[in-house]
Amino acid sequence: MKTIRHLKAQKARLKAIMQRMDSEASFDSEDGRRYAQALVKLVLINMQIEETKKEAARK
């Protein structure tokens, strides 16, 4: 359960960062690359949360 809380906290931080970024920035710019990296991290965190919940449900 502690892992899920940690992942959700990371998710919230990344969402806050993304909201501060200009979402319409070109991906050729530094801001665009950071936005894309944050988006990828969010997807990975969501996948980890889902996997952790599935493992907990199996037990």
Protein backbone atom coordinates (compact mmCIF):
# COMPACT_ATOMS: atom_id res chain seq x y z
CA MET A 1 0.00 0.00 0.00
CA LYS A 2 2.91 2.31 0.73
CA THR A 3 4.12 1.81 -2.84
CA ILE A 4 0.80 2.91 -4.30
CA ARG A 5 0.80 6.05 -2.15
CA HIS A 6 4.33 6.84 -3.28
CA LEU A 7 3.42 6.33 -6.94
CA LYS A 8 0.30 8.47 -6.59
CA ALA A 9 2.38 11.25 -5.01
CA GLN A 10 4.81 11.09 -7.94
CA LYS A 11 1.86 11.18 -10.33
CA ALA A 12 0.44 14.28 -8.65
CA ARG A 13 3.81 16.06 -8.80
CA LEU A 14 4.21 15.28 -12.49
CA LYS A 15 0.70 16.46 -13.27
CA ALA A 16 1.40 19.74 -11.47
CA ILE A 17 4.62 20.20 -13.44
CA MET A 18 2.82 19.49 -16.70
CA GLN A 19 0.13 22.03 -15.90
CA ARG A 20 2.80 24.69 -15.42
CA MET A 21 4.40 23.83 -18.75
CA ASP A 22 3.15 25.18 -22.00
CA SER A 23 1.31 22.20 -23.44
CA GLU A 24 1.35 23.74 -26.89
CA ALA A 25 5.14 24.01 -27.04
CA SER A 26 6.81 22.49 -30.04
CA PHE A 27 8.41 19.12 -29.37
CA ASP A 28 11.55 20.51 -31.01
CA SER A 29 12.00 22.89 -28.08
CA GLU A 30 13.36 22.07 -24.62
CA ASP A 31 9.94 22.67 -23.03
CA GLY A 32 8.33 20.27 -25.47
CA ARG A 33 10.87 17.57 -24.71
CA ARG A 34 10.36 18.01 -20.95
CA TYR A 35 6.60 17.82 -21.43
CA ALA A 36 6.94 14.60 -23.43
CA GLN A 37 9.26 13.10 -20.81
CA ALA A 38 6.80 13.96 -18.03
CA LEU A 39 3.97 12.40 -20.03
CA VAL A 40 5.94 9.17 -20.49
CA LYS A 41 6.71 9.07 -16.76
CA LEU A 42 3.00 9.51 -15.98
CA VAL A 43 2.09 6.57 -18.19
CA LEU A 44 4.75 4.39 -16.57
CA ILE A 45 3.56 5.36 -13.09
CA ASN A 46 -0.03 4.52 -14.02
CA MET A 47 1.13 1.13 -15.28
CA GLN A 48 3.02 0.49 -12.04
CA ILE A 49 -0.03 1.42 -9.95
CA GLU A 50 -2.23 -0.94 -11.95
CA GLU A 51 0.30 -3.77 -11.68
CA THR A 52 0.68 -3.27 -7.93
CA LYS A 53 -3.11 -3.37 -7.47
CA LYS A 54 -3.35 -6.55 -9.57
CA GLU A 55 -0.64 -8.23 -7.49
CA ALA A 56 -2.40 -7.23 -4.29
CA ALA A 57 -5.68 -8.63 -5.60
CA ARG A 58 -4.03 -11.97 -6.42
CA LYS A 59 -2.89 -12.42 -2.81
